[in-house]
Amino acid sequence: MPDVEILMTGAYPEWDMVDLEAKYRVHRLWEAEDRQELIARVGKDIRAIATRGELGASAELMKQLPKLEIVSCYGVGTDAIDLAYARANGIRVTNTPDVLTEDVADIAIGLLLATARQIPQADVFVRAGQWGNVAMPLVTRVAGKKVGLAGMGRIGKAIAKRAAAFGCDISYFARNEHTDVDYAYQPDLVALADWADFLIVIVPGGQATMKIINAEVLKALGPNGMLINVSRGTTVDEEALIAALQDGTIQAAGLDVFLNEPKIDARFLTLQNVVLQPHHGSGTVETRKAMGQLVRDNLAAHFAGAALPTPVV
């Protein structure tokens, strides 16, 4: 039996599970009837946590694992991992950047097209037999419009590249201006929303961006504006967004992320001007295989005493 014991907070695809269980002694926290009992029983021997971005690793969990050396995250976002605790206690943290950039950028543009052109509604229209009986409502053009990006990291740049191919005018908000892009920098998010036809959110999660898309931003976006969120559910004030969708403060939204996933606010299900995705931006076979491989590569490098491929801490 493998010597190194790891704690997994949630399931990975089967191709990753098979490899991990061949190399490590894996404890499946999500399957435990009594999670605290499992941690109490095996916690003293756990040397690694394999987690997912939305599950993370809290300080409370890590404190119960005295031999913990590394947290390897399946995903880019580490806002659910207590990085301060990990750093203070010499625990390495890794994630899976770059490999999901293109797919998340694709879904951002896909959501933009689906929302503006009402593709889901058109599908329902045809299936319901309405075509030929009533006219499909006219929709909104994407090409040549003004796209505001809240965030200009790896994924933001990939989204901007795609939007540029549609002939869109692009401006962005970020903590600092990026000298490696030619797009216009706007340090005021409200001003960016006021300028934009479409506002795409791709800032990191965490306290610094909590509810950064608030009622003021949505009001500035306006009754013809549309919001696309492929970042984290925490970056949008959901109460303000639902109110804005209900009362016409904004025209529509396309959302891949939510608070309290997967048990999202039921009011979203009643709205016809929102396109909903199950946090599936990176959900392609190609990307998920690459993500899992990077998690496993980070674990293998750590236990071999080699440099980590993608360290965060």
Protein backbone atom coordinates (compact mmCIF):
# COMPACT_ATOMS: atom_id res chain seq x y z
CA MET A 1 0.00 0.00 0.00
CA PRO A 2 1.34 3.50 -0.79
CA ASP A 3 3.01 5.21 2.17
CA VAL A 4 1.88 8.83 1.65
CA GLU A 5 -1.62 9.58 2.94
CA ILE A 6 -3.67 12.35 1.36
CA LEU A 7 -7.09 13.79 2.14
CA MET A 8 -9.39 14.58 -0.77
CA THR A 9 -12.16 17.08 -0.09
CA GLY A 10 -14.16 16.26 -3.22
CA ALA A 11 -14.20 13.92 -6.19
CA TYR A 12 -11.99 14.26 -9.27
CA PRO A 13 -12.70 12.57 -12.61
CA GLU A 14 -12.13 8.83 -12.58
CA TRP A 15 -8.91 9.03 -14.61
CA ASP A 16 -7.38 11.15 -11.84
CA MET A 17 -8.78 9.02 -9.01
CA VAL A 18 -7.28 5.84 -10.45
CA ASP A 19 -3.81 7.38 -10.67
CA LEU A 20 -3.97 9.03 -7.25
CA GLU A 21 -5.11 5.86 -5.53
CA ALA A 22 -2.33 3.88 -7.20
CA LYS A 23 0.30 6.25 -5.78
CA TYR A 24 -1.14 7.41 -2.45
CA ARG A 25 -3.39 6.24 0.31
CA VAL A 26 -6.43 8.38 -0.43
CA HIS A 27 -9.06 9.29 2.16
CA ARG A 28 -12.33 10.49 0.60
CA LEU A 29 -13.67 13.15 2.93
CA TRP A 30 -16.82 13.81 0.87
CA GLU A 31 -17.93 10.17 1.21
CA ALA A 32 -17.53 9.97 4.99
CA GLU A 33 -20.75 9.63 6.96
CA ASP A 34 -19.03 11.47 9.81
CA ARG A 35 -16.36 13.74 8.39
CA GLN A 36 -15.08 14.85 11.78
CA GLU A 37 -14.64 11.24 12.85
CA LEU A 38 -12.61 10.51 9.72
CA ILE A 39 -10.36 13.52 10.31
CA ALA A 40 -9.90 12.56 13.96
CA ARG A 41 -8.93 9.03 12.93
CA VAL A 42 -6.55 9.72 10.03
CA GLY A 43 -5.65 13.40 10.42
CA LYS A 44 -2.38 12.75 12.26
CA ASP A 45 -1.00 10.94 9.18
CA ILE A 46 -2.23 13.24 6.38
CA ARG A 47 0.61 14.90 4.45
CA ALA A 48 -1.36 16.41 1.58
CA ILE A 49 -4.81 17.77 0.74
CA ALA A 50 -6.13 17.41 -2.80
CA THR A 51 -9.00 19.85 -3.15
CA ARG A 52 -11.05 21.78 -5.71
CA GLY A 53 -11.24 25.54 -6.08
CA GLU A 54 -14.74 25.90 -4.68
CA LEU A 55 -14.03 23.54 -1.75
CA GLY A 56 -10.67 24.94 -0.72
CA ALA A 57 -9.00 24.18 2.60
CA SER A 58 -9.86 26.16 5.70
CA ALA A 59 -7.49 26.96 8.56
CA GLU A 60 -9.80 24.89 10.77
CA LEU A 61 -9.23 21.84 8.57
CA MET A 62 -5.49 22.34 8.22
CA LYS A 63 -5.05 22.77 11.98
CA GLN A 64 -6.29 19.19 12.43
CA LEU A 65 -3.58 17.79 10.14
CA PRO A 66 -0.26 18.23 12.02
CA LYS A 67 1.85 16.60 9.28
CA LEU A 68 0.27 18.54 6.42
CA GLU A 69 2.88 19.65 3.87
CA ILE A 70 0.95 20.67 0.75
CA VAL A 71 -2.51 21.63 -0.53
CA SER A 72 -2.90 20.90 -4.25
CA CYS A 73 -5.90 22.65 -5.78
CA TYR A 74 -7.81 21.49 -8.85
CA GLY A 75 -8.65 24.92 -10.25
CA VAL A 76 -7.18 28.41 -10.48
CA GLY A 77 -9.07 30.10 -7.65
CA THR A 78 -7.52 29.76 -4.20
CA ASP A 79 -9.84 32.14 -2.35
CA ALA A 80 -11.37 29.21 -0.43
CA ILE A 81 -7.90 28.16 0.81
CA ASP A 82 -6.59 29.99 3.89
CA LEU A 83 -3.34 31.10 2.29
CA ALA A 84 -2.29 33.14 5.31
CA TYR A 85 -2.50 30.07 7.54
CA ALA A 86 -0.67 27.94 4.99
CA ARG A 87 2.10 30.51 4.59
CA ALA A 88 2.51 30.95 8.34
CA ASN A 89 2.80 27.20 8.85
CA GLY A 90 5.09 26.31 5.95
CA ILE A 91 2.36 24.52 3.98
CA ARG A 92 2.83 24.68 0.22
CA VAL A 93 -0.17 25.51 -1.97
CA THR A 94 -0.49 24.89 -5.71
CA ASN A 95 -3.20 25.47 -8.31
CA THR A 96 -3.80 24.79 -12.00
CA PRO A 97 -3.37 28.05 -13.95
CA ASP A 98 -3.07 28.46 -17.72
CA VAL A 99 -4.56 25.08 -18.66
CA LEU A 100 -8.13 26.36 -18.27
CA THR A 101 -7.64 29.86 -19.69
CA GLU A 102 -8.90 29.16 -23.20
CA ASP A 103 -11.98 27.22 -22.15
CA VAL A 104 -13.10 29.84 -19.62
CA ALA A 105 -12.58 32.54 -22.24
CA ASP A 106 -14.66 30.49 -24.68
CA ILE A 107 -17.53 30.16 -22.21
CA ALA A 108 -17.45 33.90 -21.48
CA ILE A 109 -17.95 34.67 -25.15
CA GLY A 110 -20.45 31.82 -25.44
CA LEU A 111 -22.48 33.28 -22.59
CA LEU A 112 -22.27 36.72 -24.16
CA LEU A 113 -23.63 35.42 -27.45
CA ALA A 114 -26.26 33.27 -25.76
CA THR A 115 -27.44 36.19 -23.63
CA ALA A 116 -27.43 38.89 -26.29
CA ARG A 117 -28.82 36.73 -29.09
CA GLN A 118 -31.18 34.84 -26.73
CA ILE A 119 -30.03 31.46 -28.02
CA PRO A 120 -31.60 29.41 -25.17
CA GLN A 121 -34.91 31.24 -25.60
CA ALA A 122 -34.80 30.64 -29.36
CA ASP A 123 -34.29 26.92 -28.76
CA VAL A 124 -37.36 26.85 -26.52
CA PHE A 125 -39.28 28.91 -29.12
CA VAL A 126 -38.62 26.33 -31.85
CA ARG A 127 -39.26 23.28 -29.64
CA ALA A 128 -42.57 24.74 -28.48
CA GLY A 129 -43.78 24.97 -32.08
CA GLN A 130 -44.02 28.76 -32.07
CA TRP A 131 -41.91 29.24 -35.22
CA GLY A 132 -44.28 30.14 -38.05
CA ASN A 133 -47.07 31.06 -35.68
CA VAL A 134 -45.60 34.09 -33.92
CA ALA A 135 -42.49 36.18 -34.54
CA MET A 136 -39.38 35.56 -32.50
CA PRO A 137 -38.55 38.82 -30.66
CA LEU A 138 -35.64 40.80 -32.04
CA VAL A 139 -32.39 40.48 -30.08
CA THR A 140 -29.13 42.38 -29.49
CA ARG A 141 -26.09 42.47 -31.77
CA VAL A 142 -22.66 41.64 -30.31
CA ALA A 143 -20.33 42.65 -33.15
CA GLY A 144 -18.92 46.16 -32.87
CA LYS A 145 -20.26 46.80 -29.37
CA LYS A 146 -18.39 48.12 -26.31
CA VAL A 147 -17.09 45.36 -24.02
CA GLY A 148 -15.92 46.23 -20.52
CA LEU A 149 -13.76 43.70 -18.73
CA ALA A 150 -13.56 43.69 -14.94
CA GLY A 151 -10.17 41.96 -14.70
CA MET A 152 -7.26 41.67 -17.12
CA GLY A 153 -5.35 38.60 -16.01
CA ARG A 154 -4.62 35.58 -18.20
CA ILE A 155 -8.29 34.83 -18.79
CA GLY A 156 -9.23 38.49 -19.20
CA LYS A 157 -6.65 38.85 -21.96
CA ALA A 158 -7.98 35.72 -23.69
CA ILE A 159 -11.54 37.06 -23.52
CA ALA A 160 -10.43 40.43 -24.88
CA LYS A 161 -8.71 38.73 -27.81
CA ARG A 162 -11.92 36.94 -28.70
CA ALA A 163 -14.06 40.06 -28.29
CA ALA A 164 -11.64 41.97 -30.52
CA ALA A 165 -12.28 39.40 -33.26
CA PHE A 166 -15.93 40.51 -33.16
CA GLY A 167 -14.83 44.07 -33.82
CA CYS A 168 -15.70 45.13 -30.29
CA ASP A 169 -14.23 48.17 -28.57
CA ILE A 170 -12.57 46.99 -25.35
CA SER A 171 -11.81 48.73 -22.08
CA TYR A 172 -10.89 47.18 -18.74
CA PHE A 173 -10.81 47.71 -14.99
CA ALA A 174 -8.05 46.22 -12.84
CA ARG A 175 -6.07 47.03 -9.70
CA ASN A 176 -3.25 48.30 -11.91
CA GLU A 177 -2.86 49.23 -15.55
CA HIS A 178 -1.36 46.50 -17.75
CA THR A 179 1.42 47.70 -20.01
CA ASP A 180 1.31 44.55 -22.15
CA VAL A 181 -2.12 45.30 -23.68
CA ASP A 182 -3.37 48.08 -25.92
CA TYR A 183 -6.88 48.23 -24.51
CA ALA A 184 -8.04 51.34 -22.66
CA TYR A 185 -7.59 51.22 -18.89
CA GLN A 186 -10.42 52.50 -16.70
CA PRO A 187 -9.61 52.67 -12.96
CA ASP A 188 -13.24 53.39 -12.04
CA LEU A 189 -15.52 50.35 -12.31
CA VAL A 190 -18.70 52.44 -12.29
CA ALA A 191 -17.36 54.53 -15.17
CA LEU A 192 -16.47 51.35 -17.07
CA ALA A 193 -20.00 50.00 -16.59
CA ASP A 194 -21.49 53.31 -17.73
CA TRP A 195 -19.41 53.13 -20.94
CA ALA A 196 -19.94 49.44 -21.72
CA ASP A 197 -22.70 47.63 -23.55
CA PHE A 198 -21.52 44.36 -22.04
CA LEU A 199 -19.62 43.98 -18.75
CA ILE A 200 -17.69 40.72 -18.34
CA VAL A 201 -16.44 39.88 -14.85
CA ILE A 202 -13.22 37.87 -14.52
CA VAL A 203 -11.60 39.23 -11.35
CA PRO A 204 -10.29 36.77 -8.72
CA GLY A 205 -12.49 35.89 -5.78
CA GLY A 206 -11.74 36.83 -2.18
CA GLN A 207 -12.36 39.71 0.21
CA ALA A 208 -10.83 42.33 -2.10
CA THR A 209 -13.46 41.71 -4.79
CA MET A 210 -16.44 40.80 -2.59
CA LYS A 211 -19.62 42.22 -4.20
CA ILE A 212 -17.50 44.46 -6.44
CA ILE A 213 -20.40 44.34 -8.92
CA ASN A 214 -22.95 46.17 -6.80
CA ALA A 215 -26.15 48.13 -7.32
CA GLU A 216 -24.23 51.26 -8.37
CA VAL A 217 -22.31 49.35 -11.04
CA LEU A 218 -25.48 47.70 -12.34
CA LYS A 219 -27.31 51.02 -12.49
CA ALA A 220 -24.42 52.45 -14.50
CA LEU A 221 -24.53 49.47 -16.88
CA GLY A 222 -28.10 50.48 -17.60
CA PRO A 223 -31.29 49.09 -19.14
CA ASN A 224 -29.59 48.07 -22.39
CA GLY A 225 -26.52 46.62 -20.68
CA MET A 226 -25.71 42.99 -20.02
CA LEU A 227 -23.58 41.36 -17.32
CA ILE A 228 -21.51 38.21 -17.86
CA ASN A 229 -19.89 36.59 -14.82
CA VAL A 230 -17.28 33.83 -15.20
CA SER A 231 -15.27 34.71 -12.09
CA ARG A 232 -16.72 33.82 -8.68
CA GLY A 233 -20.22 34.17 -7.27
CA THR A 234 -18.83 36.34 -4.47
CA THR A 235 -17.84 39.11 -6.91
CA VAL A 236 -21.48 40.05 -7.59
CA ASP A 237 -24.05 41.32 -5.10
CA GLU A 238 -26.72 38.77 -5.97
CA GLU A 239 -29.54 40.63 -4.26
CA ALA A 240 -28.72 43.70 -6.33
CA LEU A 241 -28.37 41.63 -9.51
CA ILE A 242 -31.70 39.84 -9.07
CA ALA A 243 -33.41 43.16 -8.40
CA ALA A 244 -31.73 44.68 -11.48
CA LEU A 245 -32.91 41.79 -13.67
CA GLN A 246 -36.43 41.95 -12.26
CA ASP A 247 -36.95 45.68 -12.61
CA GLY A 248 -35.07 46.28 -15.87
CA THR A 249 -32.13 48.14 -14.38
CA ILE A 250 -30.07 45.95 -16.75
CA GLN A 251 -31.32 44.06 -19.77
CA ALA A 252 -29.93 40.60 -19.11
CA ALA A 253 -27.14 38.48 -17.59
CA GLY A 254 -25.20 35.34 -18.40
CA LEU A 255 -23.86 33.57 -15.32
CA ASP A 256 -21.52 30.62 -14.85
CA VAL A 257 -20.95 31.23 -11.13
CA PHE A 258 -23.17 31.88 -8.13
CA LEU A 259 -23.24 32.14 -4.37
CA ASN A 260 -24.12 28.90 -2.58
CA GLU A 261 -23.37 26.68 -5.57
CA PRO A 262 -25.00 24.38 -6.54
CA LYS A 263 -28.03 25.44 -4.48
CA ILE A 264 -28.44 28.78 -6.22
CA ASP A 265 -31.05 31.39 -5.40
CA ALA A 266 -34.34 30.01 -6.75
CA ARG A 267 -35.35 33.43 -8.08
CA PHE A 268 -32.83 33.03 -10.91
CA LEU A 269 -34.89 30.10 -12.19
CA THR A 270 -37.95 32.30 -12.70
CA LEU A 271 -36.17 34.97 -14.76
CA GLN A 272 -36.33 34.85 -18.55
CA ASN A 273 -33.52 37.39 -19.04
CA VAL A 274 -30.70 35.36 -17.53
CA VAL A 275 -28.70 32.45 -19.00
CA LEU A 276 -27.53 29.98 -16.36
CA GLN A 277 -24.49 27.68 -16.49
CA PRO A 278 -23.45 25.16 -13.77
CA HIS A 279 -19.96 26.63 -13.11
CA HIS A 280 -18.71 24.77 -16.13
CA GLY A 281 -16.27 27.19 -17.70
CA SER A 282 -13.41 24.70 -17.57
CA GLY A 283 -15.68 21.72 -18.17
CA THR A 284 -14.10 20.18 -21.25
CA VAL A 285 -12.42 16.79 -21.37
CA GLU A 286 -9.20 18.37 -22.57
CA THR A 287 -8.97 20.95 -19.81
CA ARG A 288 -10.09 18.70 -16.99
CA LYS A 289 -7.47 16.12 -17.94
CA ALA A 290 -4.81 18.83 -17.98
CA MET A 291 -5.97 20.17 -14.61
CA GLY A 292 -5.86 16.74 -13.00
CA GLN A 293 -2.43 16.06 -14.45
CA LEU A 294 -1.14 19.32 -12.99
CA VAL A 295 -2.53 18.48 -9.55
CA ARG A 296 -0.78 15.12 -9.72
CA ASP A 297 2.43 16.66 -11.05
CA ASN A 298 2.52 19.10 -8.14
CA LEU A 299 2.04 16.32 -5.60
CA ALA A 300 4.66 14.14 -7.27
CA ALA A 301 7.17 16.99 -7.40
CA HIS A 302 6.64 17.86 -3.74
CA PHE A 303 7.15 14.33 -2.48
CA ALA A 304 10.18 13.90 -4.74
CA GLY A 305 11.73 17.06 -3.33
CA ALA A 306 11.59 18.79 -6.73
CA ALA A 307 10.45 22.30 -7.69
CA LEU A 308 6.66 22.67 -7.79
CA PRO A 309 5.30 23.28 -11.30
CA THR A 310 2.71 25.87 -10.22
CA PRO A 311 3.26 27.14 -6.67
CA VAL A 312 0.96 29.71 -5.05
CA VAL A 313 2.56 29.60 -1.59
